[in-house]
Amino acid sequence: MRLSELSGKEIVDLERAERMGVLGHADLEIDEQDGRIHALIIPVGKWGAFKRSQQEIRVSWKRIKKVGQDMIIFDLSDSEQV
């Protein structure tokens, strides 16, 4: 599958049935030597009164359950949070 085919897909947490974002707003961790995807890095920001706190959720590619036509589904309970 090409990167262009992944772009624009919704990223969904299977356990909480929650939409986490759209690929294109998330980053991919890619091995530069062989081009394999190691993880999705999804920004999770919360707006406060004057500032925005930014966190990231790192989802190992091994935790991806399904890449469908419109969505990428993963299990957040097994992923690492940064």
PDB file of N, CA and C in Angstrom:
ATOM      1  N   MET A   1       0.841  -1.173   0.000  1.00  0.00           N
ATOM      2  CA  MET A   1       0.000   0.000   0.000  1.00  0.00           C
ATOM      3  C   MET A   1       0.890   1.242   0.000  1.00  0.00           C
ATOM      4  N   ARG A   2       0.510   2.207  -0.769  1.00  0.00           N
ATOM      5  CA  ARG A   2       1.271   3.448  -0.870  1.00  0.00           C
ATOM      6  C   ARG A   2       0.816   4.453   0.185  1.00  0.00           C
ATOM      7  N   LEU A   3       1.711   5.363   0.528  1.00  0.00           N
ATOM      8  CA  LEU A   3       1.392   6.398   1.503  1.00  0.00           C
ATOM      9  C   LEU A   3       0.208   7.242   1.048  1.00  0.00           C
ATOM     10  N   SER A   4       0.127   7.520  -0.234  1.00  0.00           N
ATOM     11  CA  SER A   4      -0.986   8.321  -0.757  1.00  0.00           C
ATOM     12  C   SER A   4      -2.337   7.625  -0.546  1.00  0.00           C
ATOM     13  N   GLU A   5      -2.343   6.297  -0.508  1.00  0.00           N
ATOM     14  CA  GLU A   5      -3.572   5.549  -0.261  1.00  0.00           C
ATOM     15  C   GLU A   5      -3.996   5.626   1.203  1.00  0.00           C
ATOM     16  N   LEU A   6      -3.047   5.842   2.114  1.00  0.00           N
ATOM     17  CA  LEU A   6      -3.351   5.959   3.534  1.00  0.00           C
ATOM     18  C   LEU A   6      -3.847   7.361   3.898  1.00  0.00           C
ATOM     19  N   SER A   7      -3.389   8.352   3.172  1.00  0.00           N
ATOM     20  CA  SER A   7      -3.717   9.735   3.479  1.00  0.00           C
ATOM     21  C   SER A   7      -5.219   9.982   3.428  1.00  0.00           C
ATOM     22  N   GLY A   8      -5.728  10.686   4.428  1.00  0.00           N
ATOM     23  CA  GLY A   8      -7.139  11.042   4.479  1.00  0.00           C
ATOM     24  C   GLY A   8      -8.020  10.037   5.196  1.00  0.00           C
ATOM     25  N   LYS A   9      -7.467   8.899   5.597  1.00  0.00           N
ATOM     26  CA  LYS A   9      -8.268   7.903   6.320  1.00  0.00           C
ATOM     27  C   LYS A   9      -8.446   8.332   7.776  1.00  0.00           C
ATOM     28  N   GLU A  10      -9.628   8.085   8.316  1.00  0.00           N
ATOM     29  CA  GLU A  10      -9.884   8.361   9.726  1.00  0.00           C
ATOM     30  C   GLU A  10      -9.163   7.322  10.576  1.00  0.00           C
ATOM     31  N   ILE A  11      -8.648   7.762  11.723  1.00  0.00           N
ATOM     32  CA  ILE A  11      -7.964   6.876  12.656  1.00  0.00           C
ATOM     33  C   ILE A  11      -8.915   6.662  13.829  1.00  0.00           C
ATOM     34  N   VAL A  12      -9.270   5.390  14.097  1.00  0.00           N
ATOM     35  CA  VAL A  12     -10.293   5.075  15.092  1.00  0.00           C
ATOM     36  C   VAL A  12      -9.736   4.115  16.136  1.00  0.00           C
ATOM     37  N   ASP A  13      -9.991   4.436  17.411  1.00  0.00           N
ATOM     38  CA  ASP A  13      -9.614   3.580  18.536  1.00  0.00           C
ATOM     39  C   ASP A  13     -10.705   2.534  18.725  1.00  0.00           C
ATOM     40  N   LEU A  14     -10.369   1.275  18.570  1.00  0.00           N
ATOM     41  CA  LEU A  14     -11.324   0.178  18.660  1.00  0.00           C
ATOM     42  C   LEU A  14     -11.945   0.056  20.045  1.00  0.00           C
ATOM     43  N   GLU A  15     -11.133   0.159  21.095  1.00  0.00           N
ATOM     44  CA  GLU A  15     -11.636  -0.033  22.460  1.00  0.00           C
ATOM     45  C   GLU A  15     -12.665   1.019  22.854  1.00  0.00           C
ATOM     46  N   ARG A  16     -12.366   2.279  22.571  1.00  0.00           N
ATOM     47  CA  ARG A  16     -13.266   3.362  22.978  1.00  0.00           C
ATOM     48  C   ARG A  16     -14.211   3.808  21.863  1.00  0.00           C
ATOM     49  N   ALA A  17     -14.071   3.228  20.681  1.00  0.00           N
ATOM     50  CA  ALA A  17     -14.888   3.605  19.523  1.00  0.00           C
ATOM     51  C   ALA A  17     -14.852   5.118  19.319  1.00  0.00           C
ATOM     52  N   GLU A  18     -13.635   5.666  19.377  1.00  0.00           N
ATOM     53  CA  GLU A  18     -13.442   7.109  19.302  1.00  0.00           C
ATOM     54  C   GLU A  18     -12.599   7.467  18.087  1.00  0.00           C
ATOM     55  N   ARG A  19     -13.010   8.492  17.385  1.00  0.00           N
ATOM     56  CA  ARG A  19     -12.251   9.004  16.249  1.00  0.00           C
ATOM     57  C   ARG A  19     -11.093   9.832  16.792  1.00  0.00           C
ATOM     58  N   MET A  20      -9.871   9.456  16.415  1.00  0.00           N
ATOM     59  CA  MET A  20      -8.682  10.118  16.939  1.00  0.00           C
ATOM     60  C   MET A  20      -8.134  11.185  15.996  1.00  0.00           C
ATOM     61  N   GLY A  21      -8.544  11.159  14.760  1.00  0.00           N
ATOM     62  CA  GLY A  21      -8.043  12.130  13.799  1.00  0.00           C
ATOM     63  C   GLY A  21      -8.050  11.552  12.403  1.00  0.00           C
ATOM     64  N   VAL A  22      -7.382  12.249  11.515  1.00  0.00           N
ATOM     65  CA  VAL A  22      -7.283  11.843  10.120  1.00  0.00           C
ATOM     66  C   VAL A  22      -5.808  11.725   9.773  1.00  0.00           C
ATOM     67  N   LEU A  23      -5.458  10.660   9.075  1.00  0.00           N
ATOM     68  CA  LEU A  23      -4.071  10.513   8.660  1.00  0.00           C
ATOM     69  C   LEU A  23      -3.764  11.633   7.683  1.00  0.00           C
ATOM     70  N   GLY A  24      -2.752  12.336   7.956  1.00  0.00           N
ATOM     71  CA  GLY A  24      -2.429  13.568   7.253  1.00  0.00           C
ATOM     72  C   GLY A  24      -2.209  14.628   8.322  1.00  0.00           C
ATOM     73  N   HIS A  25      -3.001  14.524   9.413  1.00  0.00           N
ATOM     74  CA  HIS A  25      -2.799  15.346  10.593  1.00  0.00           C
ATOM     75  C   HIS A  25      -1.920  14.607  11.586  1.00  0.00           C
ATOM     76  N   ALA A  26      -1.819  13.304  11.425  1.00  0.00           N
ATOM     77  CA  ALA A  26      -0.963  12.477  12.264  1.00  0.00           C
ATOM     78  C   ALA A  26       0.360  12.252  11.533  1.00  0.00           C
ATOM     79  N   ASP A  27       1.380  11.877  12.283  1.00  0.00           N
ATOM     80  CA  ASP A  27       2.683  11.585  11.698  1.00  0.00           C
ATOM     81  C   ASP A  27       2.894  10.080  11.622  1.00  0.00           C
ATOM     82  N   LEU A  28       3.768   9.683  10.734  1.00  0.00           N
ATOM     83  CA  LEU A  28       4.174   8.287  10.628  1.00  0.00           C
ATOM     84  C   LEU A  28       5.636   8.178  11.030  1.00  0.00           C
ATOM     85  N   GLU A  29       5.955   7.156  11.782  1.00  0.00           N
ATOM     86  CA  GLU A  29       7.350   6.848  12.106  1.00  0.00           C
ATOM     87  C   GLU A  29       7.787   5.772  11.115  1.00  0.00           C
ATOM     88  N   ILE A  30       8.703   6.126  10.225  1.00  0.00           N
ATOM     89  CA  ILE A  30       9.095   5.246   9.124  1.00  0.00           C
ATOM     90  C   ILE A  30      10.578   4.920   9.223  1.00  0.00           C
ATOM     91  N   ASP A  31      10.929   3.660   9.019  1.00  0.00           N
ATOM     92  CA  ASP A  31      12.320   3.229   8.969  1.00  0.00           C
ATOM     93  C   ASP A  31      12.915   3.740   7.664  1.00  0.00           C
ATOM     94  N   GLU A  32      13.953   4.527   7.752  1.00  0.00           N
ATOM     95  CA  GLU A  32      14.558   5.138   6.568  1.00  0.00           C
ATOM     96  C   GLU A  32      15.265   4.125   5.678  1.00  0.00           C
ATOM     97  N   GLN A  33      15.681   3.004   6.236  1.00  0.00           N
ATOM     98  CA  GLN A  33      16.418   2.020   5.443  1.00  0.00           C
ATOM     99  C   GLN A  33      15.509   1.162   4.581  1.00  0.00           C
ATOM    100  N   ASP A  34      14.399   0.690   5.140  1.00  0.00           N
ATOM    101  CA  ASP A  34      13.555  -0.206   4.351  1.00  0.00           C
ATOM    102  C   ASP A  34      12.174   0.369   4.027  1.00  0.00           C
ATOM    103  N   GLY A  35      11.848   1.563   4.565  1.00  0.00           N
ATOM    104  CA  GLY A  35      10.591   2.223   4.243  1.00  0.00           C
ATOM    105  C   GLY A  35       9.372   1.672   4.955  1.00  0.00           C
ATOM    106  N   ARG A  36       9.571   0.815   5.936  1.00  0.00           N
ATOM    107  CA  ARG A  36       8.435   0.253   6.671  1.00  0.00           C
ATOM    108  C   ARG A  36       7.930   1.229   7.732  1.00  0.00           C
ATOM    109  N   ILE A  37       6.621   1.203   7.933  1.00  0.00           N
ATOM    110  CA  ILE A  37       6.014   2.044   8.956  1.00  0.00           C
ATOM    111  C   ILE A  37       6.148   1.338  10.302  1.00  0.00           C
ATOM    112  N   HIS A  38       6.677   2.055  11.295  1.00  0.00           N
ATOM    113  CA  HIS A  38       6.808   1.501  12.641  1.00  0.00           C
ATOM    114  C   HIS A  38       5.656   1.920  13.541  1.00  0.00           C
ATOM    115  N   ALA A  39       5.157   3.151  13.363  1.00  0.00           N
ATOM    116  CA  ALA A  39       4.112   3.638  14.262  1.00  0.00           C
ATOM    117  C   ALA A  39       3.374   4.830  13.666  1.00  0.00           C
ATOM    118  N   LEU A  40       2.154   5.040  14.163  1.00  0.00           N
ATOM    119  CA  LEU A  40       1.408   6.268  13.925  1.00  0.00           C
ATOM    120  C   LEU A  40       1.609   7.135  15.154  1.00  0.00           C
ATOM    121  N   ILE A  41       1.858   8.411  14.965  1.00  0.00           N
ATOM    122  CA  ILE A  41       1.981   9.337  16.083  1.00  0.00           C
ATOM    123  C   ILE A  41       0.858  10.344  15.929  1.00  0.00           C
ATOM    124  N   ILE A  42      -0.118  10.254  16.831  1.00  0.00           N
ATOM    125  CA  ILE A  42      -1.346  11.031  16.728  1.00  0.00           C
ATOM    126  C   ILE A  42      -1.311  12.163  17.744  1.00  0.00           C
ATOM    127  N   PRO A  43      -1.385  13.415  17.292  1.00  0.00           N
ATOM    128  CA  PRO A  43      -1.430  14.532  18.249  1.00  0.00           C
ATOM    129  C   PRO A  43      -2.784  14.585  18.945  1.00  0.00           C
ATOM    130  N   VAL A  44      -2.746  14.786  20.263  1.00  0.00           N
ATOM    131  CA  VAL A  44      -3.962  14.928  21.053  1.00  0.00           C
ATOM    132  C   VAL A  44      -3.796  16.210  21.844  1.00  0.00           C
ATOM    133  N   GLY A  45      -4.428  17.286  21.395  1.00  0.00           N
ATOM    134  CA  GLY A  45      -4.266  18.587  22.043  1.00  0.00           C
ATOM    135  C   GLY A  45      -5.517  19.013  22.765  1.00  0.00           C
ATOM    136  N   LYS A  46      -5.330  19.737  23.841  1.00  0.00           N
ATOM    137  CA  LYS A  46      -6.446  20.304  24.587  1.00  0.00           C
ATOM    138  C   LYS A  46      -6.197  21.798  24.723  1.00  0.00           C
ATOM    139  N   TRP A  47      -7.214  22.567  24.448  1.00  0.00           N
ATOM    140  CA  TRP A  47      -7.095  24.022  24.562  1.00  0.00           C
ATOM    141  C   TRP A  47      -7.456  24.456  25.974  1.00  0.00           C
ATOM    142  N   GLY A  48      -6.578  25.251  26.568  1.00  0.00           N
ATOM    143  CA  GLY A  48      -6.848  25.825  27.877  1.00  0.00           C
ATOM    144  C   GLY A  48      -7.215  27.290  27.713  1.00  0.00           C
ATOM    145  N   ALA A  49      -7.206  28.027  28.809  1.00  0.00           N
ATOM    146  CA  ALA A  49      -7.576  29.438  28.762  1.00  0.00           C
ATOM    147  C   ALA A  49      -6.605  30.239  27.888  1.00  0.00           C
ATOM    148  N   PHE A  50      -5.309  30.032  28.081  1.00  0.00           N
ATOM    149  CA  PHE A  50      -4.329  30.822  27.333  1.00  0.00           C
ATOM    150  C   PHE A  50      -3.324  29.998  26.559  1.00  0.00           C
ATOM    151  N   LYS A  51      -3.300  28.720  26.803  1.00  0.00           N
ATOM    152  CA  LYS A  51      -2.296  27.911  26.114  1.00  0.00           C
ATOM    153  C   LYS A  51      -2.888  26.567  25.706  1.00  0.00           C
ATOM    154  N   ARG A  52      -2.170  25.916  24.883  1.00  0.00           N
ATOM    155  CA  ARG A  52      -2.596  24.611  24.390  1.00  0.00           C
ATOM    156  C   ARG A  52      -1.583  23.577  24.863  1.00  0.00           C
ATOM    157  N   SER A  53      -2.055  22.565  25.569  1.00  0.00           N
ATOM    158  CA  SER A  53      -1.152  21.488  25.976  1.00  0.00           C
ATOM    159  C   SER A  53      -1.199  20.405  24.899  1.00  0.00           C
ATOM    160  N   GLN A  54      -0.063  19.973  24.476  1.00  0.00           N
ATOM    161  CA  GLN A  54       0.025  19.013  23.383  1.00  0.00           C
ATOM    162  C   GLN A  54       0.581  17.696  23.900  1.00  0.00           C
ATOM    163  N   GLN A  55      -0.113  16.628  23.598  1.00  0.00           N
ATOM    164  CA  GLN A  55       0.373  15.290  23.895  1.00  0.00           C
ATOM    165  C   GLN A  55       0.318  14.496  22.609  1.00  0.00           C
ATOM    166  N   GLU A  56       0.991  13.379  22.625  1.00  0.00           N
ATOM    167  CA  GLU A  56       0.971  12.493  21.464  1.00  0.00           C
ATOM    168  C   GLU A  56       0.660  11.083  21.911  1.00  0.00           C
ATOM    169  N   ILE A  57      -0.026  10.367  21.054  1.00  0.00           N
ATOM    170  CA  ILE A  57      -0.253   8.948  21.275  1.00  0.00           C
ATOM    171  C   ILE A  57       0.514   8.221  20.182  1.00  0.00           C
ATOM    172  N   ARG A  58       1.384   7.311  20.598  1.00  0.00           N
ATOM    173  CA  ARG A  58       2.176   6.523  19.652  1.00  0.00           C
ATOM    174  C   ARG A  58       1.546   5.145  19.556  1.00  0.00           C
ATOM    175  N   VAL A  59       1.129   4.793  18.354  1.00  0.00           N
ATOM    176  CA  VAL A  59       0.493   3.497  18.129  1.00  0.00           C
ATOM    177  C   VAL A  59       1.409   2.678  17.231  1.00  0.00           C
ATOM    178  N   SER A  60       1.948   1.614  17.787  1.00  0.00           N
ATOM    179  CA  SER A  60       2.811   0.727  17.015  1.00  0.00           C
ATOM    180  C   SER A  60       2.029   0.134  15.843  1.00  0.00           C
ATOM    181  N   TRP A  61       2.679   0.005  14.700  1.00  0.00           N
ATOM    182  CA  TRP A  61       2.013  -0.543  13.518  1.00  0.00           C
ATOM    183  C   TRP A  61       1.505  -1.967  13.785  1.00  0.00           C
ATOM    184  N   LYS A  62       2.116  -2.660  14.721  1.00  0.00           N
ATOM    185  CA  LYS A  62       1.669  -4.010  15.080  1.00  0.00           C
ATOM    186  C   LYS A  62       0.304  -3.991  15.755  1.00  0.00           C
ATOM    187  N   ARG A  63      -0.111  -2.843  16.290  1.00  0.00           N
ATOM    188  CA  ARG A  63      -1.398  -2.699  16.982  1.00  0.00           C
ATOM    189  C   ARG A  63      -2.539  -2.335  16.034  1.00  0.00           C
ATOM    190  N   ILE A  64      -2.225  -2.094  14.769  1.00  0.00           N
ATOM    191  CA  ILE A  64      -3.266  -1.776  13.794  1.00  0.00           C
ATOM    192  C   ILE A  64      -4.069  -3.044  13.536  1.00  0.00           C
ATOM    193  N   LYS A  65      -5.376  -2.948  13.705  1.00  0.00           N
ATOM    194  CA  LYS A  65      -6.251  -4.111  13.523  1.00  0.00           C
ATOM    195  C   LYS A  65      -6.759  -4.226  12.099  1.00  0.00           C
ATOM    196  N   LYS A  66      -7.066  -3.085  11.468  1.00  0.00           N
ATOM    197  CA  LYS A  66      -7.646  -3.122  10.121  1.00  0.00           C
ATOM    198  C   LYS A  66      -7.393  -1.793   9.423  1.00  0.00           C
ATOM    199  N   VAL A  67      -6.982  -1.877   8.169  1.00  0.00           N
ATOM    200  CA  VAL A  67      -6.899  -0.706   7.303  1.00  0.00           C
ATOM    201  C   VAL A  67      -7.980  -0.892   6.253  1.00  0.00           C
ATOM    202  N   GLY A  68      -9.058  -0.122   6.404  1.00  0.00           N
ATOM    203  CA  GLY A  68     -10.188  -0.230   5.488  1.00  0.00           C
ATOM    204  C   GLY A  68     -10.136   0.845   4.427  1.00  0.00           C
ATOM    205  N   GLN A  69     -11.205   0.950   3.673  1.00  0.00           N
ATOM    206  CA  GLN A  69     -11.277   1.929   2.598  1.00  0.00           C
ATOM    207  C   GLN A  69     -11.314   3.354   3.142  1.00  0.00           C
ATOM    208  N   ASP A  70     -11.981   3.558   4.296  1.00  0.00           N
ATOM    209  CA  ASP A  70     -12.130   4.896   4.861  1.00  0.00           C
ATOM    210  C   ASP A  70     -11.458   5.071   6.217  1.00  0.00           C
ATOM    211  N   MET A  71     -11.087   3.971   6.876  1.00  0.00           N
ATOM    212  CA  MET A  71     -10.599   4.051   8.255  1.00  0.00           C
ATOM    213  C   MET A  71      -9.393   3.163   8.505  1.00  0.00           C
ATOM    214  N   ILE A  72      -8.655   3.565   9.536  1.00  0.00           N
ATOM    215  CA  ILE A  72      -7.599   2.734  10.113  1.00  0.00           C
ATOM    216  C   ILE A  72      -8.037   2.479  11.552  1.00  0.00           C
ATOM    217  N   ILE A  73      -8.207   1.207  11.922  1.00  0.00           N
ATOM    218  CA  ILE A  73      -8.693   0.860  13.257  1.00  0.00           C
ATOM    219  C   ILE A  73      -7.552   0.226  14.045  1.00  0.00           C
ATOM    220  N   PHE A  74      -7.377   0.696  15.289  1.00  0.00           N
ATOM    221  CA  PHE A  74      -6.335   0.151  16.157  1.00  0.00           C
ATOM    222  C   PHE A  74      -6.883  -0.008  17.557  1.00  0.00           C
ATOM    223  N   ASP A  75      -6.125  -0.718  18.409  1.00  0.00           N
ATOM    224  CA  ASP A  75      -6.509  -0.942  19.791  1.00  0.00           C
ATOM    225  C   ASP A  75      -5.616  -0.097  20.685  1.00  0.00           C
ATOM    226  N   LEU A  76      -6.148   1.006  21.186  1.00  0.00           N
ATOM    227  CA  LEU A  76      -5.385   1.957  21.986  1.00  0.00           C
ATOM    228  C   LEU A  76      -4.933   1.371  23.312  1.00  0.00           C
ATOM    229  N   SER A  77      -5.653   0.434  23.874  1.00  0.00           N
ATOM    230  CA  SER A  77      -5.300  -0.120  25.176  1.00  0.00           C
ATOM    231  C   SER A  77      -3.938  -0.802  25.164  1.00  0.00           C
ATOM    232  N   ASP A  78      -3.505  -1.261  23.999  1.00  0.00           N
ATOM    233  CA  ASP A  78      -2.216  -1.934  23.893  1.00  0.00           C
ATOM    234  C   ASP A  78      -1.098  -1.028  23.398  1.00  0.00           C
ATOM    235  N   SER A  79      -1.403   0.234  23.092  1.00  0.00           N
ATOM    236  CA  SER A  79      -0.382   1.119  22.513  1.00  0.00           C
ATOM    237  C   SER A  79       0.351   1.881  23.618  1.00  0.00           C
ATOM    238  N   GLU A  80       1.431   2.508  23.222  1.00  0.00           N
ATOM    239  CA  GLU A  80       2.235   3.290  24.138  1.00  0.00           C
ATOM    240  C   GLU A  80       1.809   4.738  24.025  1.00  0.00           C
ATOM    241  N   GLN A  81       1.710   5.426  25.159  1.00  0.00           N
ATOM    242  CA  GLN A  81       1.389   6.848  25.141  1.00  0.00           C
ATOM    243  C   GLN A  81       2.635   7.618  25.519  1.00  0.00           C
ATOM    244  N   VAL A  82       2.902   8.699  24.778  1.00  0.00           N
ATOM    245  CA  VAL A  82       4.089   9.536  25.036  1.00  0.00           C
ATOM    246  C   VAL A  82       3.657  10.791  25.745  1.00  0.00           C
TER     247      VAL A  82
END
